[in-house]
PDB file of N, CA and C in Angstrom:
ATOM      1  N   MET A   1      14.134  -7.155  15.785  1.00  0.00           N
ATOM      2  CA  MET A   1      12.717  -7.114  15.444  1.00  0.00           C
ATOM      3  C   MET A   1      12.155  -5.750  15.834  1.00  0.00           C
ATOM      4  N   PRO A   2      11.452  -5.081  14.906  1.00  0.00           N
ATOM      5  CA  PRO A   2      10.917  -3.756  15.210  1.00  0.00           C
ATOM      6  C   PRO A   2       9.776  -3.822  16.229  1.00  0.00           C
ATOM      7  N   ASP A   3       9.653  -2.774  17.012  1.00  0.00           N
ATOM      8  CA  ASP A   3       8.587  -2.730  17.998  1.00  0.00           C
ATOM      9  C   ASP A   3       7.249  -2.398  17.326  1.00  0.00           C
ATOM     10  N   ASN A   4       6.181  -2.414  18.124  1.00  0.00           N
ATOM     11  CA  ASN A   4       4.833  -2.175  17.599  1.00  0.00           C
ATOM     12  C   ASN A   4       4.704  -0.814  16.942  1.00  0.00           C
ATOM     13  N   HIS A   5       5.300   0.195  17.550  1.00  0.00           N
ATOM     14  CA  HIS A   5       5.179   1.550  17.008  1.00  0.00           C
ATOM     15  C   HIS A   5       5.833   1.641  15.632  1.00  0.00           C
ATOM     16  N   THR A   6       6.985   1.028  15.455  1.00  0.00           N
ATOM     17  CA  THR A   6       7.692   1.067  14.177  1.00  0.00           C
ATOM     18  C   THR A   6       6.894   0.354  13.095  1.00  0.00           C
ATOM     19  N   ARG A   7       6.331  -0.807  13.432  1.00  0.00           N
ATOM     20  CA  ARG A   7       5.509  -1.538  12.456  1.00  0.00           C
ATOM     21  C   ARG A   7       4.252  -0.767  12.111  1.00  0.00           C
ATOM     22  N   LEU A   8       3.624  -0.173  13.118  1.00  0.00           N
ATOM     23  CA  LEU A   8       2.412   0.619  12.873  1.00  0.00           C
ATOM     24  C   LEU A   8       2.735   1.814  11.988  1.00  0.00           C
ATOM     25  N   ARG A   9       3.819   2.487  12.294  1.00  0.00           N
ATOM     26  CA  ARG A   9       4.229   3.651  11.499  1.00  0.00           C
ATOM     27  C   ARG A   9       4.492   3.257  10.041  1.00  0.00           C
ATOM     28  N   SER A  10       5.101   2.114   9.834  1.00  0.00           N
ATOM     29  CA  SER A  10       5.376   1.629   8.480  1.00  0.00           C
ATOM     30  C   SER A  10       4.078   1.314   7.733  1.00  0.00           C
ATOM     31  N   LYS A  11       3.125   0.664   8.407  1.00  0.00           N
ATOM     32  CA  LYS A  11       1.841   0.358   7.779  1.00  0.00           C
ATOM     33  C   LYS A  11       1.095   1.633   7.400  1.00  0.00           C
ATOM     34  N   VAL A  12       1.121   2.626   8.289  1.00  0.00           N
ATOM     35  CA  VAL A  12       0.423   3.880   8.024  1.00  0.00           C
ATOM     36  C   VAL A  12       1.071   4.615   6.847  1.00  0.00           C
ATOM     37  N   ARG A  13       2.384   4.571   6.762  1.00  0.00           N
ATOM     38  CA  ARG A  13       3.062   5.223   5.624  1.00  0.00           C
ATOM     39  C   ARG A  13       2.731   4.539   4.307  1.00  0.00           C
ATOM     40  N   ARG A  14       2.680   3.209   4.296  1.00  0.00           N
ATOM     41  CA  ARG A  14       2.298   2.501   3.068  1.00  0.00           C
ATOM     42  C   ARG A  14       0.861   2.818   2.682  1.00  0.00           C
ATOM     43  N   LEU A  15      -0.037   2.884   3.669  1.00  0.00           N
ATOM     44  CA  LEU A  15      -1.428   3.237   3.396  1.00  0.00           C
ATOM     45  C   LEU A  15      -1.524   4.661   2.860  1.00  0.00           C
ATOM     46  N   THR A  16      -0.752   5.583   3.424  1.00  0.00           N
ATOM     47  CA  THR A  16      -0.743   6.966   2.952  1.00  0.00           C
ATOM     48  C   THR A  16      -0.293   7.037   1.499  1.00  0.00           C
ATOM     49  N   LEU A  17       0.746   6.307   1.152  1.00  0.00           N
ATOM     50  CA  LEU A  17       1.219   6.278  -0.234  1.00  0.00           C
ATOM     51  C   LEU A  17       0.143   5.717  -1.169  1.00  0.00           C
ATOM     52  N   ALA A  18      -0.513   4.643  -0.763  1.00  0.00           N
ATOM     53  CA  ALA A  18      -1.579   4.059  -1.586  1.00  0.00           C
ATOM     54  C   ALA A  18      -2.734   5.044  -1.764  1.00  0.00           C
ATOM     55  N   CYS A  19      -3.095   5.746  -0.688  1.00  0.00           N
ATOM     56  CA  CYS A  19      -4.178   6.742  -0.773  1.00  0.00           C
ATOM     57  C   CYS A  19      -3.791   7.895  -1.688  1.00  0.00           C
ATOM     58  N   LEU A  20      -2.550   8.340  -1.628  1.00  0.00           N
ATOM     59  CA  LEU A  20      -2.099   9.419  -2.507  1.00  0.00           C
ATOM     60  C   LEU A  20      -2.129   8.996  -3.971  1.00  0.00           C
ATOM     61  N   LEU A  21      -1.730   7.763  -4.249  1.00  0.00           N
ATOM     62  CA  LEU A  21      -1.786   7.270  -5.622  1.00  0.00           C
ATOM     63  C   LEU A  21      -3.232   7.145  -6.113  1.00  0.00           C
ATOM     64  N   LEU A  22      -4.128   6.695  -5.249  1.00  0.00           N
ATOM     65  CA  LEU A  22      -5.539   6.620  -5.611  1.00  0.00           C
ATOM     66  C   LEU A  22      -6.119   8.013  -5.834  1.00  0.00           C
ATOM     67  N   TRP A  23      -5.746   8.963  -4.981  1.00  0.00           N
ATOM     68  CA  TRP A  23      -6.193  10.349  -5.137  1.00  0.00           C
ATOM     69  C   TRP A  23      -5.716  10.919  -6.472  1.00  0.00           C
ATOM     70  N   LEU A  24      -4.449  10.682  -6.813  1.00  0.00           N
ATOM     71  CA  LEU A  24      -3.914  11.169  -8.071  1.00  0.00           C
ATOM     72  C   LEU A  24      -4.646  10.541  -9.256  1.00  0.00           C
ATOM     73  N   SER A  25      -4.913   9.257  -9.184  1.00  0.00           N
ATOM     74  CA  SER A  25      -5.643   8.573 -10.257  1.00  0.00           C
ATOM     75  C   SER A  25      -7.049   9.141 -10.414  1.00  0.00           C
ATOM     76  N   ALA A  26      -7.739   9.360  -9.300  1.00  0.00           N
ATOM     77  CA  ALA A  26      -9.102   9.895  -9.369  1.00  0.00           C
ATOM     78  C   ALA A  26      -9.106  11.327  -9.881  1.00  0.00           C
ATOM     79  N   THR A  27      -8.071  12.083  -9.572  1.00  0.00           N
ATOM     80  CA  THR A  27      -7.992  13.463 -10.026  1.00  0.00           C
ATOM     81  C   THR A  27      -7.709  13.537 -11.523  1.00  0.00           C
ATOM     82  N   LEU A  28      -6.871  12.649 -12.014  1.00  0.00           N
ATOM     83  CA  LEU A  28      -6.509  12.680 -13.427  1.00  0.00           C
ATOM     84  C   LEU A  28      -7.482  11.919 -14.320  1.00  0.00           C
ATOM     85  N   ALA A  29      -8.361  11.117 -13.755  1.00  0.00           N
ATOM     86  CA  ALA A  29      -9.291  10.311 -14.548  1.00  0.00           C
ATOM     87  C   ALA A  29     -10.161  11.150 -15.483  1.00  0.00           C
ATOM     88  N   PRO A  30     -10.774  12.257 -15.034  1.00  0.00           N
ATOM     89  CA  PRO A  30     -11.596  13.045 -15.960  1.00  0.00           C
ATOM     90  C   PRO A  30     -10.782  13.618 -17.120  1.00  0.00           C
ATOM     91  N   VAL A  31      -9.548  13.999 -16.837  1.00  0.00           N
ATOM     92  CA  VAL A  31      -8.697  14.557 -17.890  1.00  0.00           C
ATOM     93  C   VAL A  31      -8.373  13.483 -18.927  1.00  0.00           C
ATOM     94  N   LEU A  32      -8.024  12.303 -18.455  1.00  0.00           N
ATOM     95  CA  LEU A  32      -7.655  11.226 -19.365  1.00  0.00           C
ATOM     96  C   LEU A  32      -8.861  10.653 -20.117  1.00  0.00           C
ATOM     97  N   ALA A  33     -10.043  10.726 -19.495  1.00  0.00           N
ATOM     98  CA  ALA A  33     -11.248  10.174 -20.120  1.00  0.00           C
ATOM     99  C   ALA A  33     -11.987  11.200 -20.969  1.00  0.00           C
ATOM    100  N   SER A  34     -11.501  12.412 -21.018  1.00  0.00           N
ATOM    101  CA  SER A  34     -12.264  13.469 -21.690  1.00  0.00           C
ATOM    102  C   SER A  34     -12.436  13.238 -23.190  1.00  0.00           C
ATOM    103  N   ARG A  35     -11.524  12.534 -23.809  1.00  0.00           N
ATOM    104  CA  ARG A  35     -11.642  12.289 -25.248  1.00  0.00           C
ATOM    105  C   ARG A  35     -12.051  10.860 -25.578  1.00  0.00           C
ATOM    106  N   SER A  36     -12.419  10.104 -24.570  1.00  0.00           N
ATOM    107  CA  SER A  36     -12.738   8.700 -24.804  1.00  0.00           C
ATOM    108  C   SER A  36     -14.106   8.515 -25.452  1.00  0.00           C
ATOM    109  N   GLY A  37     -15.046   9.413 -25.156  1.00  0.00           N
ATOM    110  CA  GLY A  37     -16.397   9.283 -25.686  1.00  0.00           C
ATOM    111  C   GLY A  37     -17.253   8.295 -24.918  1.00  0.00           C
ATOM    112  N   TRP A  38     -16.764   7.777 -23.784  1.00  0.00           N
ATOM    113  CA  TRP A  38     -17.535   6.841 -22.983  1.00  0.00           C
ATOM    114  C   TRP A  38     -18.696   7.567 -22.314  1.00  0.00           C
ATOM    115  N   THR A  39     -19.798   6.862 -22.101  1.00  0.00           N
ATOM    116  CA  THR A  39     -20.936   7.433 -21.396  1.00  0.00           C
ATOM    117  C   THR A  39     -21.293   6.542 -20.214  1.00  0.00           C
ATOM    118  N   LEU A  40     -21.827   7.159 -19.174  1.00  0.00           N
ATOM    119  CA  LEU A  40     -22.266   6.457 -17.978  1.00  0.00           C
ATOM    120  C   LEU A  40     -23.633   7.007 -17.629  1.00  0.00           C
ATOM    121  N   TRP A  41     -24.661   6.193 -17.749  1.00  0.00           N
ATOM    122  CA  TRP A  41     -26.048   6.596 -17.526  1.00  0.00           C
ATOM    123  C   TRP A  41     -26.430   7.796 -18.386  1.00  0.00           C
ATOM    124  N   GLY A  42     -25.945   7.822 -19.611  1.00  0.00           N
ATOM    125  CA  GLY A  42     -26.284   8.875 -20.551  1.00  0.00           C
ATOM    126  C   GLY A  42     -25.430  10.125 -20.475  1.00  0.00           C
ATOM    127  N   TRP A  43     -24.506  10.181 -19.520  1.00  0.00           N
ATOM    128  CA  TRP A  43     -23.635  11.343 -19.374  1.00  0.00           C
ATOM    129  C   TRP A  43     -22.216  10.956 -19.781  1.00  0.00           C
ATOM    130  N   PRO A  44     -21.461  11.879 -20.343  1.00  0.00           N
ATOM    131  CA  PRO A  44     -20.054  11.579 -20.633  1.00  0.00           C
ATOM    132  C   PRO A  44     -19.297  11.251 -19.337  1.00  0.00           C
ATOM    133  N   VAL A  45     -18.412  10.266 -19.379  1.00  0.00           N
ATOM    134  CA  VAL A  45     -17.692   9.815 -18.184  1.00  0.00           C
ATOM    135  C   VAL A  45     -16.890  10.952 -17.557  1.00  0.00           C
ATOM    136  N   ASP A  46     -16.241  11.776 -18.381  1.00  0.00           N
ATOM    137  CA  ASP A  46     -15.438  12.860 -17.811  1.00  0.00           C
ATOM    138  C   ASP A  46     -16.305  13.858 -17.052  1.00  0.00           C
ATOM    139  N   PHE A  47     -17.506  14.141 -17.552  1.00  0.00           N
ATOM    140  CA  PHE A  47     -18.416  15.049 -16.846  1.00  0.00           C
ATOM    141  C   PHE A  47     -18.879  14.424 -15.538  1.00  0.00           C
ATOM    142  N   TRP A  48     -19.232  13.133 -15.586  1.00  0.00           N
ATOM    143  CA  TRP A  48     -19.709  12.461 -14.389  1.00  0.00           C
ATOM    144  C   TRP A  48     -18.620  12.418 -13.325  1.00  0.00           C
ATOM    145  N   MET A  49     -17.376  12.075 -13.723  1.00  0.00           N
ATOM    146  CA  MET A  49     -16.276  12.016 -12.759  1.00  0.00           C
ATOM    147  C   MET A  49     -15.994  13.388 -12.157  1.00  0.00           C
ATOM    148  N   ALA A  50     -16.003  14.415 -12.986  1.00  0.00           N
ATOM    149  CA  ALA A  50     -15.722  15.759 -12.476  1.00  0.00           C
ATOM    150  C   ALA A  50     -16.835  16.245 -11.552  1.00  0.00           C
ATOM    151  N   ALA A  51     -18.089  15.900 -11.860  1.00  0.00           N
ATOM    152  CA  ALA A  51     -19.219  16.403 -11.080  1.00  0.00           C
ATOM    153  C   ALA A  51     -19.448  15.613  -9.796  1.00  0.00           C
ATOM    154  N   GLN A  52     -19.297  14.293  -9.832  1.00  0.00           N
ATOM    155  CA  GLN A  52     -19.669  13.491  -8.674  1.00  0.00           C
ATOM    156  C   GLN A  52     -18.640  12.441  -8.298  1.00  0.00           C
ATOM    157  N   GLY A  53     -18.113  11.767  -9.284  1.00  0.00           N
ATOM    158  CA  GLY A  53     -17.274  10.600  -9.025  1.00  0.00           C
ATOM    159  C   GLY A  53     -16.040  10.889  -8.216  1.00  0.00           C
ATOM    160  N   CYS A  54     -15.337  11.952  -8.534  1.00  0.00           N
ATOM    161  CA  CYS A  54     -14.099  12.262  -7.812  1.00  0.00           C
ATOM    162  C   CYS A  54     -14.374  12.594  -6.353  1.00  0.00           C
ATOM    163  N   VAL A  55     -15.433  13.327  -6.091  1.00  0.00           N
ATOM    164  CA  VAL A  55     -15.758  13.684  -4.707  1.00  0.00           C
ATOM    165  C   VAL A  55     -16.083  12.432  -3.906  1.00  0.00           C
ATOM    166  N   LEU A  56     -16.806  11.502  -4.505  1.00  0.00           N
ATOM    167  CA  LEU A  56     -17.124  10.256  -3.813  1.00  0.00           C
ATOM    168  C   LEU A  56     -15.869   9.435  -3.548  1.00  0.00           C
ATOM    169  N   VAL A  57     -14.952   9.415  -4.495  1.00  0.00           N
ATOM    170  CA  VAL A  57     -13.686   8.699  -4.296  1.00  0.00           C
ATOM    171  C   VAL A  57     -12.886   9.352  -3.173  1.00  0.00           C
ATOM    172  N   TYR A  58     -12.845  10.680  -3.127  1.00  0.00           N
ATOM    173  CA  TYR A  58     -12.116  11.382  -2.061  1.00  0.00           C
ATOM    174  C   TYR A  58     -12.699  11.039  -0.690  1.00  0.00           C
ATOM    175  N   LEU A  59     -14.026  11.044  -0.580  1.00  0.00           N
ATOM    176  CA  LEU A  59     -14.667  10.700   0.690  1.00  0.00           C
ATOM    177  C   LEU A  59     -14.380   9.253   1.083  1.00  0.00           C
ATOM    178  N   LEU A  60     -14.375   8.360   0.112  1.00  0.00           N
ATOM    179  CA  LEU A  60     -14.065   6.966   0.375  1.00  0.00           C
ATOM    180  C   LEU A  60     -12.620   6.811   0.857  1.00  0.00           C
ATOM    181  N   ILE A  61     -11.705   7.528   0.250  1.00  0.00           N
ATOM    182  CA  ILE A  61     -10.293   7.474   0.663  1.00  0.00           C
ATOM    183  C   ILE A  61     -10.160   7.904   2.120  1.00  0.00           C
ATOM    184  N   VAL A  62     -10.775   9.030   2.472  1.00  0.00           N
ATOM    185  CA  VAL A  62     -10.669   9.544   3.847  1.00  0.00           C
ATOM    186  C   VAL A  62     -11.309   8.576   4.842  1.00  0.00           C
ATOM    187  N   GLY A  63     -12.481   8.049   4.508  1.00  0.00           N
ATOM    188  CA  GLY A  63     -13.169   7.124   5.405  1.00  0.00           C
ATOM    189  C   GLY A  63     -12.391   5.842   5.645  1.00  0.00           C
ATOM    190  N   VAL A  64     -11.880   5.242   4.573  1.00  0.00           N
ATOM    191  CA  VAL A  64     -11.107   4.003   4.700  1.00  0.00           C
ATOM    192  C   VAL A  64      -9.813   4.249   5.465  1.00  0.00           C
ATOM    193  N   TYR A  65      -9.138   5.364   5.184  1.00  0.00           N
ATOM    194  CA  TYR A  65      -7.893   5.692   5.879  1.00  0.00           C
ATOM    195  C   TYR A  65      -8.145   5.833   7.381  1.00  0.00           C
ATOM    196  N   ALA A  66      -9.155   6.604   7.751  1.00  0.00           N
ATOM    197  CA  ALA A  66      -9.446   6.828   9.174  1.00  0.00           C
ATOM    198  C   ALA A  66      -9.815   5.522   9.869  1.00  0.00           C
ATOM    199  N   TRP A  67     -10.643   4.718   9.225  1.00  0.00           N
ATOM    200  CA  TRP A  67     -11.071   3.457   9.838  1.00  0.00           C
ATOM    201  C   TRP A  67      -9.885   2.514  10.027  1.00  0.00           C
ATOM    202  N   LEU A  68      -9.064   2.353   8.992  1.00  0.00           N
ATOM    203  CA  LEU A  68      -7.920   1.440   9.083  1.00  0.00           C
ATOM    204  C   LEU A  68      -6.899   1.887  10.131  1.00  0.00           C
ATOM    205  N   VAL A  69      -6.565   3.174  10.133  1.00  0.00           N
ATOM    206  CA  VAL A  69      -5.570   3.655  11.101  1.00  0.00           C
ATOM    207  C   VAL A  69      -6.103   3.511  12.527  1.00  0.00           C
ATOM    208  N   ASN A  70      -7.366   3.836  12.769  1.00  0.00           N
ATOM    209  CA  ASN A  70      -7.935   3.649  14.108  1.00  0.00           C
ATOM    210  C   ASN A  70      -7.904   2.183  14.520  1.00  0.00           C
ATOM    211  N   HIS A  71      -8.238   1.298  13.598  1.00  0.00           N
ATOM    212  CA  HIS A  71      -8.227  -0.136  13.871  1.00  0.00           C
ATOM    213  C   HIS A  71      -6.807  -0.609  14.203  1.00  0.00           C
ATOM    214  N   TRP A  72      -5.836  -0.195  13.411  1.00  0.00           N
ATOM    215  CA  TRP A  72      -4.446  -0.590  13.637  1.00  0.00           C
ATOM    216  C   TRP A  72      -3.914  -0.038  14.958  1.00  0.00           C
ATOM    217  N   GLU A  73      -4.281   1.210  15.289  1.00  0.00           N
ATOM    218  CA  GLU A  73      -3.823   1.801  16.549  1.00  0.00           C
ATOM    219  C   GLU A  73      -4.408   1.052  17.742  1.00  0.00           C
ATOM    220  N   GLN A  74      -5.662   0.648  17.647  1.00  0.00           N
ATOM    221  CA  GLN A  74      -6.268  -0.114  18.738  1.00  0.00           C
ATOM    222  C   GLN A  74      -5.593  -1.463  18.898  1.00  0.00           C
ATOM    223  N   GLN A  75      -5.270  -2.117  17.777  1.00  0.00           N
ATOM    224  CA  GLN A  75      -4.582  -3.403  17.842  1.00  0.00           C
ATOM    225  C   GLN A  75      -3.188  -3.265  18.458  1.00  0.00           C
ATOM    226  N   ALA A  76      -2.469  -2.217  18.067  1.00  0.00           N
ATOM    227  CA  ALA A  76      -1.103  -2.021  18.553  1.00  0.00           C
ATOM    228  C   ALA A  76      -1.071  -1.459  19.964  1.00  0.00           C
ATOM    229  N   GLY A  77      -2.147  -0.828  20.385  1.00  0.00           N
ATOM    230  CA  GLY A  77      -2.176  -0.224  21.706  1.00  0.00           C
ATOM    231  C   GLY A  77      -1.360   1.047  21.799  1.00  0.00           C
ATOM    232  N   SER A  78      -1.076   1.673  20.658  1.00  0.00           N
ATOM    233  CA  SER A  78      -0.322   2.926  20.660  1.00  0.00           C
ATOM    234  C   SER A  78      -0.781   3.782  19.487  1.00  0.00           C
ATOM    235  N   LEU A  79      -0.348   5.023  19.489  1.00  0.00           N
ATOM    236  CA  LEU A  79      -0.667   5.930  18.399  1.00  0.00           C
ATOM    237  C   LEU A  79       0.342   5.764  17.270  1.00  0.00           C
ATOM    238  N   SER A  80      -0.052   6.173  16.061  1.00  0.00           N
ATOM    239  CA  SER A  80       0.852   6.046  14.920  1.00  0.00           C
ATOM    240  C   SER A  80       1.808   7.228  14.820  1.00  0.00           C
ATOM    241  N   PHE A  81       1.775   8.112  15.818  1.00  0.00           N
ATOM    242  CA  PHE A  81       2.649   9.278  15.836  1.00  0.00           C
ATOM    243  C   PHE A  81       3.091   9.509  17.280  1.00  0.00           C
ATOM    244  N   ARG A  82       4.163  10.237  17.435  1.00  0.00           N
ATOM    245  CA  ARG A  82       4.661  10.562  18.774  1.00  0.00           C
ATOM    246  C   ARG A  82       4.084  11.902  19.212  1.00  0.00           C
ATOM    247  N   THR A  83       3.710  11.986  20.467  1.00  0.00           N
ATOM    248  CA  THR A  83       3.209  13.241  21.011  1.00  0.00           C
ATOM    249  C   THR A  83       4.270  13.867  21.902  1.00  0.00           C
ATOM    250  N   PRO A  84       4.299  15.187  21.955  1.00  0.00           N
ATOM    251  CA  PRO A  84       5.247  15.837  22.867  1.00  0.00           C
ATOM    252  C   PRO A  84       4.930  15.455  24.315  1.00  0.00           C
ATOM    253  N   PRO A  85       5.929  15.380  25.168  1.00  0.00           N
ATOM    254  CA  PRO A  85       5.715  14.955  26.559  1.00  0.00           C
ATOM    255  C   PRO A  85       4.755  15.837  27.335  1.00  0.00           C
ATOM    256  N   ASP A  86       4.667  17.110  26.973  1.00  0.00           N
ATOM    257  CA  ASP A  86       3.802  18.016  27.735  1.00  0.00           C
ATOM    258  C   ASP A  86       2.368  18.034  27.205  1.00  0.00           C
ATOM    259  N   GLN A  87       2.055  17.236  26.219  1.00  0.00           N
ATOM    260  CA  GLN A  87       0.715  17.218  25.633  1.00  0.00           C
ATOM    261  C   GLN A  87      -0.050  15.995  26.116  1.00  0.00           C
ATOM    262  N   ASP A  88      -1.284  16.225  26.594  1.00  0.00           N
ATOM    263  CA  ASP A  88      -2.152  15.137  27.013  1.00  0.00           C
ATOM    264  C   ASP A  88      -2.839  14.510  25.823  1.00  0.00           C
ATOM    265  N   VAL A  89      -3.009  13.188  25.863  1.00  0.00           N
ATOM    266  CA  VAL A  89      -3.703  12.497  24.758  1.00  0.00           C
ATOM    267  C   VAL A  89      -5.006  11.951  25.270  1.00  0.00           C
TER     268      VAL A  89
END
């Protein structure tokens, strides 16, 4: 049975992969929607995503990642990474 650190590290890696996939989707969304002709509040969707939507998604990704990892580290009672022995935490 894996210890707490191994399980925490695995959860953080899966979350990182999910965040990277979401980041890639948000980055490519304006490109893929550019010829769709969809509008959102009177603006073309690709313009809205490029101007505001992607930045909001990026901030949401960072906020959720930080909150979840901090929560998981508190539950596990350890950090999700190893620190060098000579470094204070």
